[in-house]
Amino acid sequence: MSSDFYISTEKSKMDISLVHKYLSEESYWAKGRSKELVIKSIENALCFGVFSKNGEQVAFARIATDFVVFAWLMDVFVVEHHQGKGIGRMLLKHIFDYPDLQNVNGIGLRTNDAHSLYKEFGFETIPSPETWMIKMKK
């Protein structure tokens, strides 16, 4: 399986149309996100794309970080016809092993439905939620 796919962080390789379509139409967390905002989010993040040998993008994730204190993992997806092949796990392993992220003290994320997957990589619910705060747009 791994020889059938490769991972790139080159933003020029990212299939903007595919990422926009998935996020704005198929994801539960970014429904309706404009193409302009998808482009801006890619420009301002560390992005990871999984590609087949023929160059077709099949998965995506991005990280917002200062590369020292904290990183936020977002917009993780595998296109439907490639789900169940281990691509998501391969992508996450690559991200968590990525050299530029090794000094980061913590990585956060938000998920409605993939807790068990992220627990495989050492994630846990926030141990002291009373010490964390977040300001969300209404």
C-alpha atoms as a PDB file:
ATOM      1  CA  MET A   1       0.000   0.000   0.000  1.00  0.00           C
ATOM      2  CA  SER A   2       2.649   2.547   0.973  1.00  0.00           C
ATOM      3  CA  SER A   3       4.474   2.143  -2.350  1.00  0.00           C
ATOM      4  CA  ASP A   4       1.244   3.022  -4.158  1.00  0.00           C
ATOM      5  CA  PHE A   5       1.085   6.476  -2.538  1.00  0.00           C
ATOM      6  CA  TYR A   6       3.432   9.264  -1.552  1.00  0.00           C
ATOM      7  CA  ILE A   7       3.099  12.300   0.721  1.00  0.00           C
ATOM      8  CA  SER A   8       4.122  15.820  -0.204  1.00  0.00           C
ATOM      9  CA  THR A   9       4.138  19.151   1.610  1.00  0.00           C
ATOM     10  CA  GLU A  10       4.581  21.096  -1.636  1.00  0.00           C
ATOM     11  CA  LYS A  11       1.692  23.523  -1.775  1.00  0.00           C
ATOM     12  CA  SER A  12       1.914  23.693  -5.569  1.00  0.00           C
ATOM     13  CA  LYS A  13       0.964  19.997  -5.714  1.00  0.00           C
ATOM     14  CA  MET A  14      -2.232  20.417  -3.666  1.00  0.00           C
ATOM     15  CA  ASP A  15      -5.367  19.975  -5.745  1.00  0.00           C
ATOM     16  CA  ILE A  16      -7.205  23.118  -4.641  1.00  0.00           C
ATOM     17  CA  SER A  17     -10.416  22.084  -6.404  1.00  0.00           C
ATOM     18  CA  LEU A  18     -10.452  18.680  -4.686  1.00  0.00           C
ATOM     19  CA  VAL A  19      -9.663  20.143  -1.257  1.00  0.00           C
ATOM     20  CA  HIS A  20     -12.299  22.860  -1.681  1.00  0.00           C
ATOM     21  CA  LYS A  21     -14.942  20.413  -2.910  1.00  0.00           C
ATOM     22  CA  TYR A  22     -14.351  18.009  -0.026  1.00  0.00           C
ATOM     23  CA  LEU A  23     -14.267  20.679   2.654  1.00  0.00           C
ATOM     24  CA  SER A  24     -17.185  22.764   1.397  1.00  0.00           C
ATOM     25  CA  GLU A  25     -19.488  19.914   0.335  1.00  0.00           C
ATOM     26  CA  GLU A  26     -18.552  16.702   2.162  1.00  0.00           C
ATOM     27  CA  SER A  27     -17.009  17.629   5.517  1.00  0.00           C
ATOM     28  CA  TYR A  28     -19.131  18.377   8.572  1.00  0.00           C
ATOM     29  CA  TRP A  29     -16.728  21.035   9.826  1.00  0.00           C
ATOM     30  CA  ALA A  30     -16.231  23.303   6.803  1.00  0.00           C
ATOM     31  CA  LYS A  31     -19.502  23.164   4.859  1.00  0.00           C
ATOM     32  CA  GLY A  32     -19.788  26.169   2.613  1.00  0.00           C
ATOM     33  CA  ARG A  33     -16.178  27.326   3.029  1.00  0.00           C
ATOM     34  CA  SER A  34     -15.336  29.461   0.009  1.00  0.00           C
ATOM     35  CA  LYS A  35     -12.567  28.572  -2.412  1.00  0.00           C
ATOM     36  CA  GLU A  36     -10.827  31.838  -1.517  1.00  0.00           C
ATOM     37  CA  LEU A  37     -10.720  30.836   2.166  1.00  0.00           C
ATOM     38  CA  VAL A  38      -9.445  27.352   1.288  1.00  0.00           C
ATOM     39  CA  ILE A  39      -6.634  28.928  -0.729  1.00  0.00           C
ATOM     40  CA  LYS A  40      -5.791  31.324   2.117  1.00  0.00           C
ATOM     41  CA  SER A  41      -5.797  28.462   4.647  1.00  0.00           C
ATOM     42  CA  ILE A  42      -3.395  26.438   2.487  1.00  0.00           C
ATOM     43  CA  GLU A  43      -1.112  29.440   1.948  1.00  0.00           C
ATOM     44  CA  ASN A  44      -0.834  29.975   5.711  1.00  0.00           C
ATOM     45  CA  ALA A  45      -0.369  26.409   6.964  1.00  0.00           C
ATOM     46  CA  LEU A  46       1.915  23.411   6.731  1.00  0.00           C
ATOM     47  CA  CYS A  47      -0.023  21.172   4.336  1.00  0.00           C
ATOM     48  CA  PHE A  48       0.267  17.458   3.663  1.00  0.00           C
ATOM     49  CA  GLY A  49      -1.191  15.785   0.596  1.00  0.00           C
ATOM     50  CA  VAL A  50      -1.291  12.072  -0.169  1.00  0.00           C
ATOM     51  CA  PHE A  51      -0.986  11.281  -3.867  1.00  0.00           C
ATOM     52  CA  SER A  52      -1.277   8.140  -5.962  1.00  0.00           C
ATOM     53  CA  LYS A  53       1.563   7.188  -8.315  1.00  0.00           C
ATOM     54  CA  ASN A  54      -0.292   8.923 -11.147  1.00  0.00           C
ATOM     55  CA  GLY A  55      -0.451  12.191  -9.164  1.00  0.00           C
ATOM     56  CA  GLU A  56      -4.103  12.039  -8.069  1.00  0.00           C
ATOM     57  CA  GLN A  57      -4.554  13.588  -4.634  1.00  0.00           C
ATOM     58  CA  VAL A  58      -6.404  11.207  -2.302  1.00  0.00           C
ATOM     59  CA  ALA A  59      -5.978  12.809   1.144  1.00  0.00           C
ATOM     60  CA  PHE A  60      -5.156  16.091   2.824  1.00  0.00           C
ATOM     61  CA  ALA A  61      -4.356  17.598   6.216  1.00  0.00           C
ATOM     62  CA  ARG A  62      -2.939  20.856   7.425  1.00  0.00           C
ATOM     63  CA  ILE A  63      -1.196  22.148  10.532  1.00  0.00           C
ATOM     64  CA  ALA A  64      -1.118  25.690  11.903  1.00  0.00           C
ATOM     65  CA  THR A  65       1.931  26.092  14.131  1.00  0.00           C
ATOM     66  CA  ASP A  66       4.830  28.189  15.358  1.00  0.00           C
ATOM     67  CA  PHE A  67       6.996  25.005  15.251  1.00  0.00           C
ATOM     68  CA  VAL A  68       7.895  25.455  18.934  1.00  0.00           C
ATOM     69  CA  VAL A  69       5.002  25.593  21.379  1.00  0.00           C
ATOM     70  CA  PHE A  70       1.822  24.342  19.750  1.00  0.00           C
ATOM     71  CA  ALA A  71       0.349  22.970  16.547  1.00  0.00           C
ATOM     72  CA  TRP A  72      -3.271  22.628  15.510  1.00  0.00           C
ATOM     73  CA  LEU A  73      -4.212  19.779  13.150  1.00  0.00           C
ATOM     74  CA  MET A  74      -7.110  20.576  10.816  1.00  0.00           C
ATOM     75  CA  ASP A  75      -8.995  19.642   7.685  1.00  0.00           C
ATOM     76  CA  VAL A  76      -7.919  15.992   7.733  1.00  0.00           C
ATOM     77  CA  PHE A  77      -9.665  13.851   5.139  1.00  0.00           C
ATOM     78  CA  VAL A  78      -9.300  10.907   2.777  1.00  0.00           C
ATOM     79  CA  VAL A  79     -11.514  10.961  -0.321  1.00  0.00           C
ATOM     80  CA  GLU A  80     -14.316   8.437  -0.008  1.00  0.00           C
ATOM     81  CA  HIS A  81     -13.218   5.911  -2.638  1.00  0.00           C
ATOM     82  CA  HIS A  82      -9.813   5.602  -0.919  1.00  0.00           C
ATOM     83  CA  GLN A  83     -11.084   5.283   2.655  1.00  0.00           C
ATOM     84  CA  GLY A  84     -10.444   2.035   4.498  1.00  0.00           C
ATOM     85  CA  LYS A  85      -7.029   1.475   2.884  1.00  0.00           C
ATOM     86  CA  GLY A  86      -4.883   2.779   5.748  1.00  0.00           C
ATOM     87  CA  ILE A  87      -4.167   6.071   4.000  1.00  0.00           C
ATOM     88  CA  GLY A  88      -5.395   8.162   6.926  1.00  0.00           C
ATOM     89  CA  ARG A  89      -3.144   6.330   9.374  1.00  0.00           C
ATOM     90  CA  MET A  90      -0.206   6.629   6.970  1.00  0.00           C
ATOM     91  CA  LEU A  91      -0.831  10.378   6.675  1.00  0.00           C
ATOM     92  CA  LEU A  92      -1.117  10.891  10.437  1.00  0.00           C
ATOM     93  CA  LYS A  93       2.047   8.880  11.136  1.00  0.00           C
ATOM     94  CA  HIS A  94       3.904  10.985   8.572  1.00  0.00           C
ATOM     95  CA  ILE A  95       2.645  14.212  10.141  1.00  0.00           C
ATOM     96  CA  PHE A  96       3.560  13.183  13.687  1.00  0.00           C
ATOM     97  CA  ASP A  97       7.018  12.021  12.532  1.00  0.00           C
ATOM     98  CA  TYR A  98       7.615  15.161  10.440  1.00  0.00           C
ATOM     99  CA  PRO A  99      11.011  16.608  11.470  1.00  0.00           C
ATOM    100  CA  ASP A 100       9.872  20.238  11.757  1.00  0.00           C
ATOM    101  CA  LEU A 101       7.196  19.248  14.296  1.00  0.00           C
ATOM    102  CA  GLN A 102       9.421  17.278  16.673  1.00  0.00           C
ATOM    103  CA  ASN A 103      10.062  20.230  19.017  1.00  0.00           C
ATOM    104  CA  VAL A 104       6.400  21.203  19.337  1.00  0.00           C
ATOM    105  CA  ASN A 105       5.163  20.763  22.924  1.00  0.00           C
ATOM    106  CA  GLY A 106       1.629  19.791  21.938  1.00  0.00           C
ATOM    107  CA  ILE A 107      -0.687  19.159  19.018  1.00  0.00           C
ATOM    108  CA  GLY A 108      -4.393  19.841  19.292  1.00  0.00           C
ATOM    109  CA  LEU A 109      -7.352  18.971  17.143  1.00  0.00           C
ATOM    110  CA  ARG A 110     -11.113  18.858  17.200  1.00  0.00           C
ATOM    111  CA  THR A 111     -13.168  15.903  15.972  1.00  0.00           C
ATOM    112  CA  ASN A 112     -16.747  14.678  16.170  1.00  0.00           C
ATOM    113  CA  ASP A 113     -16.161  11.136  14.968  1.00  0.00           C
ATOM    114  CA  ALA A 114     -12.518  10.008  14.928  1.00  0.00           C
ATOM    115  CA  HIS A 115     -11.551   9.847  18.607  1.00  0.00           C
ATOM    116  CA  SER A 116     -10.463   6.205  18.445  1.00  0.00           C
ATOM    117  CA  LEU A 117      -8.202   6.881  15.450  1.00  0.00           C
ATOM    118  CA  TYR A 118      -6.448   9.779  17.151  1.00  0.00           C
ATOM    119  CA  LYS A 119      -6.111   7.829  20.414  1.00  0.00           C
ATOM    120  CA  GLU A 120      -3.976   5.334  18.444  1.00  0.00           C
ATOM    121  CA  PHE A 121      -1.502   8.203  18.019  1.00  0.00           C
ATOM    122  CA  GLY A 122      -1.469   9.213  21.681  1.00  0.00           C
ATOM    123  CA  PHE A 123      -4.203  11.834  21.714  1.00  0.00           C
ATOM    124  CA  GLU A 124      -6.407  12.092  24.782  1.00  0.00           C
ATOM    125  CA  THR A 125      -9.207  14.353  25.873  1.00  0.00           C
ATOM    126  CA  ILE A 126      -7.962  17.538  27.507  1.00  0.00           C
ATOM    127  CA  PRO A 127      -6.796  16.466  30.979  1.00  0.00           C
ATOM    128  CA  SER A 128      -7.528  19.817  32.666  1.00  0.00           C
ATOM    129  CA  PRO A 129     -10.314  21.416  30.641  1.00  0.00           C
ATOM    130  CA  GLU A 130     -10.802  24.026  33.357  1.00  0.00           C
ATOM    131  CA  THR A 131      -7.420  25.533  32.410  1.00  0.00           C
ATOM    132  CA  TRP A 132      -8.196  25.796  28.686  1.00  0.00           C
ATOM    133  CA  MET A 133     -10.270  28.456  27.013  1.00  0.00           C
ATOM    134  CA  ILE A 134     -11.262  29.036  23.430  1.00  0.00           C
ATOM    135  CA  LYS A 135     -13.023  31.859  21.656  1.00  0.00           C
ATOM    136  CA  MET A 136     -15.207  30.554  18.854  1.00  0.00           C
ATOM    137  CA  LYS A 137     -16.975  32.561  16.189  1.00  0.00           C
ATOM    138  CA  LYS A 138     -20.750  32.469  16.643  1.00  0.00           C
END
